[in-house]
C-alpha cells in the first residue's frame, strides 16, 4: 500500500466557486504540469471532500481540495552516519548549515561522504522516507545555509522563487585588497573559460550575472564584504570578486592574478602576504550566512541564518590584528 506525505489542503473560496479543478490546481496552488500529470495517476493524488475526482470537474465554495504525493526515498544514495548542523526543519523543509569540505550530492568519483549520505541516514534513523532534493547548491568549500525540500511540490515552489529572483541570498567573504567603492553592483556576464571548461570567466558573450556587495570592514590589504546574489551562475561570487581585483582569500582555483600559476612556483613567494593569507585558511573564505524566501506551505516569509564559521572568524580577527583560540 502506498504511503503519502502530509496532504496540501486548499478550501475553495466564493471567488473560486465554479472553477474547473485543473484551473484551481494550476492557478491557485501553482502546481506544475509535470507534478499535475504525476498526481493524476496517483491513487489518492487529487481529492475533493475526501473523494478522488477528475481534474475536469468544477469545484464549489467550501470544497476541501487535497493533493497527496507518494513518499519517496533516495535508494541510490548510501546512508552514512555523518553529522551535520540543522538550522530548521518541518514536514516540508530541512535547512542545514553546511560545513567546509563537504560535497552536497554524490557525483562521479564522490559517491560517499557527502551531505546527502548524512541526510539520508538521518531520515532513515527517524523512520522517514524522503528523496534528497537540494533546492540549490554550495561549492564544496563554501559553508552556510542550504535548503533541502522534502517533496517535489516544495522543491518546485522554492526553485521558482529563485528563478524569479525573489529569494534573498546573502554571503560573507574575506577578500584580498579593498574594493574601490564602499558598495556597488558587479554587472559581469559569466560563461565557461574556453581553455578550461571547469573555470568560469567574465566575458561580453556570457550569461547576464549580477552581484551586489557592501564593504563591512577593511584591513591593511584585505577586507570583509557582504554579497547578495541577484543571479545564480556557477562560481559567480568567486568570479565577480576576482574580476574587480578582490579575489576571495584562500581560493586556489580563482587565485590572485599575480599568483595564477602552478603551486610549485608559489614557493618562490612563500613570504608574500597574499600567499600567507591564502594558506592560512586553506579554502575560499566564503560563507552563505542568510537566506530568505516564502515558505511554500505556510505562505510566510522566512529567514534562515548561520553564524560565521570558526576558521573565517579566526582569519577575520587575525586581519584585525587580534586572534582567538580555536577550541
Protein backbone atom coordinates (compact mmCIF):
# COMPACT_ATOMS: atom_id res chain seq x y z
CA UNK A 1 0.00 0.00 0.00
CA UNK A 2 1.31 3.44 -0.95
CA UNK A 3 2.30 5.88 1.78
CA UNK A 4 1.84 9.61 1.35
CA UNK A 5 3.32 12.83 2.65
CA UNK A 6 1.03 15.12 4.65
CA UNK A 7 -1.60 16.50 2.25
CA UNK A 8 -1.54 20.05 0.93
CA UNK A 9 -5.02 21.47 1.52
CA UNK A 10 -6.98 24.33 -0.02
CA UNK A 11 -10.56 25.41 0.80
CA UNK A 12 -12.39 26.78 -2.22
CA UNK A 13 -13.46 30.42 -1.81
CA UNK A 14 -16.55 32.22 -3.14
CA UNK A 15 -14.39 33.81 -5.85
CA UNK A 16 -13.27 30.34 -6.98
CA UNK A 17 -16.77 28.82 -6.99
CA UNK A 18 -17.36 27.10 -10.32
CA UNK A 19 -13.69 26.94 -11.33
CA UNK A 20 -12.57 23.77 -13.06
CA UNK A 21 -10.37 21.81 -10.65
CA UNK A 22 -7.43 21.83 -13.09
CA UNK A 23 -7.53 25.63 -13.20
CA UNK A 24 -7.62 25.82 -9.41
CA UNK A 25 -4.62 23.48 -9.05
CA UNK A 26 -2.57 25.37 -11.62
CA UNK A 27 -3.58 28.96 -10.83
CA UNK A 28 -4.15 28.87 -7.08
CA UNK A 29 -1.81 26.11 -5.89
CA UNK A 30 0.66 26.75 -8.73
CA UNK A 31 1.15 23.07 -9.43
CA UNK A 32 3.38 22.48 -12.44
CA UNK A 33 2.21 20.44 -15.42
CA UNK A 34 4.76 17.77 -14.59
CA UNK A 35 3.57 17.36 -11.00
CA UNK A 36 -0.09 17.57 -12.03
CA UNK A 37 0.41 14.73 -14.51
CA UNK A 38 2.06 12.69 -11.76
CA UNK A 39 -0.76 13.36 -9.29
CA UNK A 40 -3.44 12.34 -11.81
CA UNK A 41 -2.05 8.80 -11.85
CA UNK A 42 -1.56 8.56 -8.08
CA UNK A 43 -4.33 6.65 -6.29
CA UNK A 44 -5.12 9.40 -3.80
CA UNK A 45 -3.19 12.17 -5.52
CA UNK A 46 -6.08 14.61 -6.01
CA UNK A 47 -9.06 14.55 -3.65
CA UNK A 48 -12.10 16.81 -3.18
CA UNK A 49 -14.05 16.40 0.07
CA UNK A 50 -12.30 13.07 0.62
CA UNK A 51 -13.19 11.64 -2.79
CA UNK A 52 -10.94 11.01 -5.77
CA UNK A 53 -12.13 13.12 -8.72
CA UNK A 54 -11.22 14.06 -12.26
CA UNK A 55 -9.47 17.39 -12.72
CA UNK A 56 -12.14 18.39 -15.26
CA UNK A 57 -14.88 18.73 -12.60
CA UNK A 58 -15.97 22.13 -11.23
CA UNK A 59 -15.39 22.95 -7.57
CA UNK A 60 -17.77 24.75 -5.24
CA UNK A 61 -17.40 27.26 -2.42
CA UNK A 62 -16.26 25.43 0.73
CA UNK A 63 -14.97 22.33 -1.05
CA UNK A 64 -11.80 20.94 0.54
CA UNK A 65 -9.21 20.17 -2.10
CA UNK A 66 -6.26 17.98 -1.13
CA UNK A 67 -3.22 16.84 -3.03
CA UNK A 68 -1.15 13.92 -1.78
CA UNK A 69 2.29 12.92 -3.01
CA UNK A 70 3.60 9.41 -2.57
CA UNK A 71 6.57 9.07 -0.26
CA UNK A 72 9.91 8.52 -1.96
CA UNK A 73 13.39 7.56 -0.85
CA UNK A 74 16.89 8.10 -2.22
CA UNK A 75 17.69 4.44 -2.84
CA UNK A 76 20.73 5.39 -4.94
CA UNK A 77 22.37 7.21 -2.01
CA UNK A 78 24.25 5.16 0.60
CA UNK A 79 23.21 6.15 4.15
CA UNK A 80 26.17 7.21 6.32
CA UNK A 81 26.28 8.48 9.89
CA UNK A 82 27.75 11.87 9.00
CA UNK A 83 26.99 14.68 11.48
CA UNK A 84 25.58 17.97 10.18
CA UNK A 85 24.05 21.05 11.76
CA UNK A 86 20.29 21.57 11.43
CA UNK A 87 19.14 25.20 11.26
CA UNK A 88 15.43 24.45 10.77
CA UNK A 89 13.18 21.50 10.00
CA UNK A 90 9.47 20.88 9.49
CA UNK A 91 7.40 18.39 7.48
CA UNK A 92 8.32 20.16 4.26
CA UNK A 93 11.86 21.53 4.58
CA UNK A 94 15.26 20.77 6.05
CA UNK A 95 17.65 23.72 6.34
CA UNK A 96 21.25 22.94 7.28
CA UNK A 97 24.47 24.82 7.92
CA UNK A 98 26.87 23.07 5.54
CA UNK A 99 30.43 22.62 6.72
CA UNK A 100 33.54 23.29 4.63
CA UNK A 101 34.95 20.38 2.63
CA UNK A 102 31.60 18.62 2.26
CA UNK A 103 30.16 17.95 -1.22
CA UNK A 104 26.38 18.38 -1.28
CA UNK A 105 25.36 15.50 -3.56
CA UNK A 106 27.17 12.35 -4.78
CA UNK A 107 28.89 12.88 -8.12
CA UNK A 108 31.15 10.82 -10.35
CA UNK A 109 34.09 9.78 -8.18
CA UNK A 110 32.43 11.04 -4.97
CA UNK A 111 29.71 8.57 -4.04
CA UNK A 112 30.17 8.69 -0.26
CA UNK A 113 30.95 11.20 2.50
CA UNK A 114 28.59 13.80 1.01
CA UNK A 115 25.92 15.81 2.80
CA UNK A 116 23.31 13.69 1.01
CA UNK A 117 24.71 10.50 2.55
CA UNK A 118 24.39 12.01 6.03
CA UNK A 119 20.90 13.44 5.50
CA UNK A 120 19.52 10.17 4.09
CA UNK A 121 20.94 8.30 7.13
CA UNK A 122 19.36 10.88 9.46
CA UNK A 123 15.94 10.46 7.85
CA UNK A 124 16.14 6.66 7.97
CA UNK A 125 17.01 6.82 11.67
CA UNK A 126 13.77 8.78 12.13
CA UNK A 127 11.79 6.25 10.13
CA UNK A 128 11.14 8.83 7.40
CA UNK A 129 11.16 8.35 3.63
CA UNK A 130 12.22 11.42 1.67
CA UNK A 131 14.12 11.91 -1.55
CA UNK A 132 17.17 14.14 -1.20
CA UNK A 133 16.23 17.31 -3.09
CA UNK A 134 18.57 20.27 -2.50
CA UNK A 135 16.92 23.43 -3.81
CA UNK A 136 20.32 24.99 -4.55
CA UNK A 137 23.99 24.08 -4.24
CA UNK A 138 27.04 25.37 -2.41
CA UNK A 139 30.59 24.71 -3.55
CA UNK A 140 32.46 22.03 -1.63
CA UNK A 141 34.50 24.54 0.37
CA UNK A 142 31.72 27.11 0.87
CA UNK A 143 29.91 26.99 4.22
CA UNK A 144 26.46 28.09 5.27
CA UNK A 145 22.71 27.88 4.76
CA UNK A 146 21.46 25.18 2.40
CA UNK A 147 17.79 24.29 1.81
CA UNK A 148 16.58 20.75 1.12
CA UNK A 149 12.97 20.13 0.03
CA UNK A 150 11.16 17.05 1.31
CA UNK A 151 8.74 16.72 -1.60
CA UNK A 152 8.51 17.79 -5.27
CA UNK A 153 5.86 20.46 -4.61
CA UNK A 154 8.05 22.36 -2.15
CA UNK A 155 11.11 21.93 -4.39
CA UNK A 156 9.19 23.34 -7.36
CA UNK A 157 7.95 26.40 -5.49
CA UNK A 158 11.25 27.46 -3.95
CA UNK A 159 13.03 26.80 -7.26
CA UNK A 160 10.53 29.08 -8.99
CA UNK A 161 11.20 31.80 -6.43
CA UNK A 162 14.91 31.50 -7.15
CA UNK A 163 14.34 31.73 -10.91
CA UNK A 164 12.13 34.78 -10.37
CA UNK A 165 14.85 36.40 -8.24
CA UNK A 166 12.66 36.75 -5.15
CA UNK A 167 14.94 34.70 -2.89
CA UNK A 168 17.46 36.80 -0.96
CA UNK A 169 20.83 35.03 -0.86
CA UNK A 170 23.43 36.83 1.25
CA UNK A 171 27.05 35.84 1.75
CA UNK A 172 30.06 36.99 3.75
CA UNK A 173 33.53 36.84 2.22
CA UNK A 174 37.06 37.78 3.21
CA UNK A 175 38.85 39.07 0.12
CA UNK A 176 42.25 40.32 -0.93
CA UNK A 177 42.53 44.09 -1.33
CA UNK A 178 39.79 46.67 -0.72
CA UNK A 179 37.02 47.43 -3.23
CA UNK A 180 37.28 50.93 -4.68
CA UNK A 181 33.68 51.67 -3.63
CA UNK A 182 32.05 51.02 -0.25
CA UNK A 183 29.16 49.38 -2.08
CA UNK A 184 28.49 48.50 -5.68
CA UNK A 185 26.89 46.29 -8.29
CA UNK A 186 29.10 43.95 -10.31
CA UNK A 187 27.48 43.50 -13.72
CA UNK A 188 29.66 40.94 -15.47
CA UNK A 189 28.34 38.29 -17.87
CA UNK A 190 29.74 34.85 -16.99
CA UNK A 191 30.49 31.83 -19.15
CA UNK A 192 32.90 28.89 -19.28
CA UNK A 193 36.57 29.56 -19.89
CA UNK A 194 37.18 28.11 -23.38
CA UNK A 195 40.65 26.99 -22.30
CA UNK A 196 39.42 25.28 -19.10
CA UNK A 197 35.74 24.21 -19.06
CA UNK A 198 35.52 23.87 -15.26
CA UNK A 199 36.55 27.52 -14.81
CA UNK A 200 34.20 30.47 -15.31
CA UNK A 201 35.19 33.91 -16.59
CA UNK A 202 33.60 37.31 -17.14
CA UNK A 203 33.10 37.72 -20.87
CA UNK A 204 30.89 40.02 -23.01
CA UNK A 205 29.32 36.94 -24.61
CA UNK A 206 28.44 35.32 -21.28
CA UNK A 207 25.17 34.98 -19.38
CA UNK A 208 23.87 38.02 -17.50
CA UNK A 209 25.18 37.94 -13.92
CA UNK A 210 24.68 40.47 -11.12
CA UNK A 211 26.27 40.60 -7.66
CA UNK A 212 25.81 43.41 -5.14
CA UNK A 213 28.44 43.98 -2.47
CA UNK A 214 28.89 46.09 0.65
CA UNK A 215 32.23 46.76 2.33
CA UNK A 216 31.86 45.87 6.02
CA UNK A 217 35.43 46.02 7.31
CA UNK A 218 38.73 46.97 5.70
CA UNK A 219 42.18 45.89 6.78
CA UNK A 220 45.68 46.63 5.56
CA UNK A 221 45.47 44.58 2.33
CA UNK A 222 42.16 42.76 2.70
CA UNK A 223 38.51 43.33 3.54
CA UNK A 224 35.27 41.74 4.73
CA UNK A 225 32.36 42.14 2.32
CA UNK A 226 28.70 41.23 2.31
CA UNK A 227 27.41 39.98 -1.03
CA UNK A 228 23.94 39.46 -2.43
CA UNK A 229 23.34 37.30 -5.49
CA UNK A 230 20.85 38.65 -8.00
CA UNK A 231 21.52 35.78 -10.39
CA UNK A 232 22.75 32.24 -9.84
CA UNK A 233 25.73 31.38 -12.02
CA UNK A 234 28.32 28.75 -11.14
CA UNK A 235 31.15 30.26 -9.06
CA UNK A 236 29.53 33.69 -9.51
CA UNK A 237 30.87 35.38 -6.38
CA UNK A 238 34.35 33.97 -6.86
CA UNK A 239 34.48 35.06 -10.49
CA UNK A 240 32.99 38.52 -9.90
CA UNK A 241 35.23 39.40 -6.95
CA UNK A 242 38.29 38.29 -8.92
CA UNK A 243 37.13 40.48 -11.83
CA UNK A 244 37.28 43.64 -9.66
CA UNK A 245 40.69 42.77 -8.22
CA UNK A 246 39.41 41.39 -4.91
CA UNK A 247 39.60 37.58 -5.16
CA UNK A 248 38.49 35.53 -2.19
CA UNK A 249 41.20 34.70 0.30
CA UNK A 250 42.10 31.02 0.07
CA UNK A 251 40.56 30.46 -3.36
CA UNK A 252 43.20 28.38 -5.14
CA UNK A 253 41.04 27.94 -8.25
CA UNK A 254 40.50 31.65 -8.82
CA UNK A 255 43.80 32.67 -7.29
CA UNK A 256 45.00 36.26 -7.11
CA UNK A 257 46.04 37.19 -10.68
CA UNK A 258 49.64 37.80 -9.59
CA UNK A 259 49.92 34.19 -8.43
CA UNK A 260 47.80 32.42 -11.03
CA UNK A 261 50.46 29.78 -11.60
CA UNK A 262 51.41 26.26 -10.52
CA UNK A 263 51.63 25.66 -6.76
CA UNK A 264 55.29 24.72 -7.00
CA UNK A 265 56.05 28.18 -8.34
CA UNK A 266 54.40 29.75 -5.32
CA UNK A 267 57.29 28.54 -3.20
CA UNK A 268 59.29 31.45 -4.58
CA UNK A 269 56.78 33.79 -2.99
CA UNK A 270 56.13 31.93 0.28
CA UNK A 271 56.74 35.06 2.38
CA UNK A 272 54.35 37.17 0.34
CA UNK A 273 51.28 38.29 2.30
CA UNK A 274 48.90 37.11 -0.43
CA UNK A 275 50.23 33.55 -0.26
CA UNK A 276 50.34 33.57 3.54
CA UNK A 277 46.69 34.60 3.74
CA UNK A 278 45.60 32.02 1.16
CA UNK A 279 47.34 29.23 3.04
CA UNK A 280 46.13 30.40 6.46
CA UNK A 281 42.56 29.20 5.80
CA UNK A 282 43.05 26.52 3.15
CA UNK A 283 39.71 27.18 1.37
CA UNK A 284 37.87 30.08 -0.18
CA UNK A 285 36.73 32.34 2.66
CA UNK A 286 33.06 32.35 1.61
CA UNK A 287 30.02 31.76 3.83
CA UNK A 288 26.32 31.71 2.90
CA UNK A 289 25.09 33.38 6.06
CA UNK A 290 21.47 34.26 5.26
CA UNK A 291 18.64 33.04 3.01
CA UNK A 292 15.10 34.45 2.81
CA UNK A 293 12.14 33.04 0.85
CA UNK A 294 8.38 32.41 1.08
CA UNK A 295 7.54 29.07 2.68
CA UNK A 296 5.50 27.22 0.03
CA UNK A 297 3.03 25.77 2.54
CA UNK A 298 2.86 28.41 5.29
CA UNK A 299 2.98 31.29 2.76
CA UNK A 300 5.15 33.27 5.16
CA UNK A 301 8.49 34.94 4.55
CA UNK A 302 11.17 33.02 6.44
CA UNK A 303 14.81 33.97 7.02
CA UNK A 304 17.48 31.44 7.96
CA UNK A 305 20.95 32.39 9.15
CA UNK A 306 24.20 30.63 10.03
CA UNK A 307 26.97 32.30 12.07
CA UNK A 308 30.40 32.91 10.60
CA UNK A 309 32.37 29.62 10.82
CA UNK A 310 35.31 29.42 13.18
CA UNK A 311 38.03 29.40 10.52
CA UNK A 312 36.72 32.63 8.99
CA UNK A 313 36.27 34.15 12.44
CA UNK A 314 39.91 33.35 13.27
CA UNK A 315 41.09 34.84 9.98
CA UNK A 316 38.99 37.97 10.46
CA UNK A 317 40.46 38.56 13.90
CA UNK A 318 43.97 38.00 12.58
CA UNK A 319 43.30 40.60 9.91
CA UNK A 320 42.07 42.96 12.61
CA UNK A 321 45.35 42.42 14.40
CA UNK A 322 43.79 40.17 17.04
CA UNK A 323 43.44 36.42 17.39
CA UNK A 324 41.16 33.93 19.07
CA UNK A 325 41.93 30.45 20.23
CA UNK A 326 40.47 27.51 18.35
CA UNK A 327 38.52 25.28 20.71
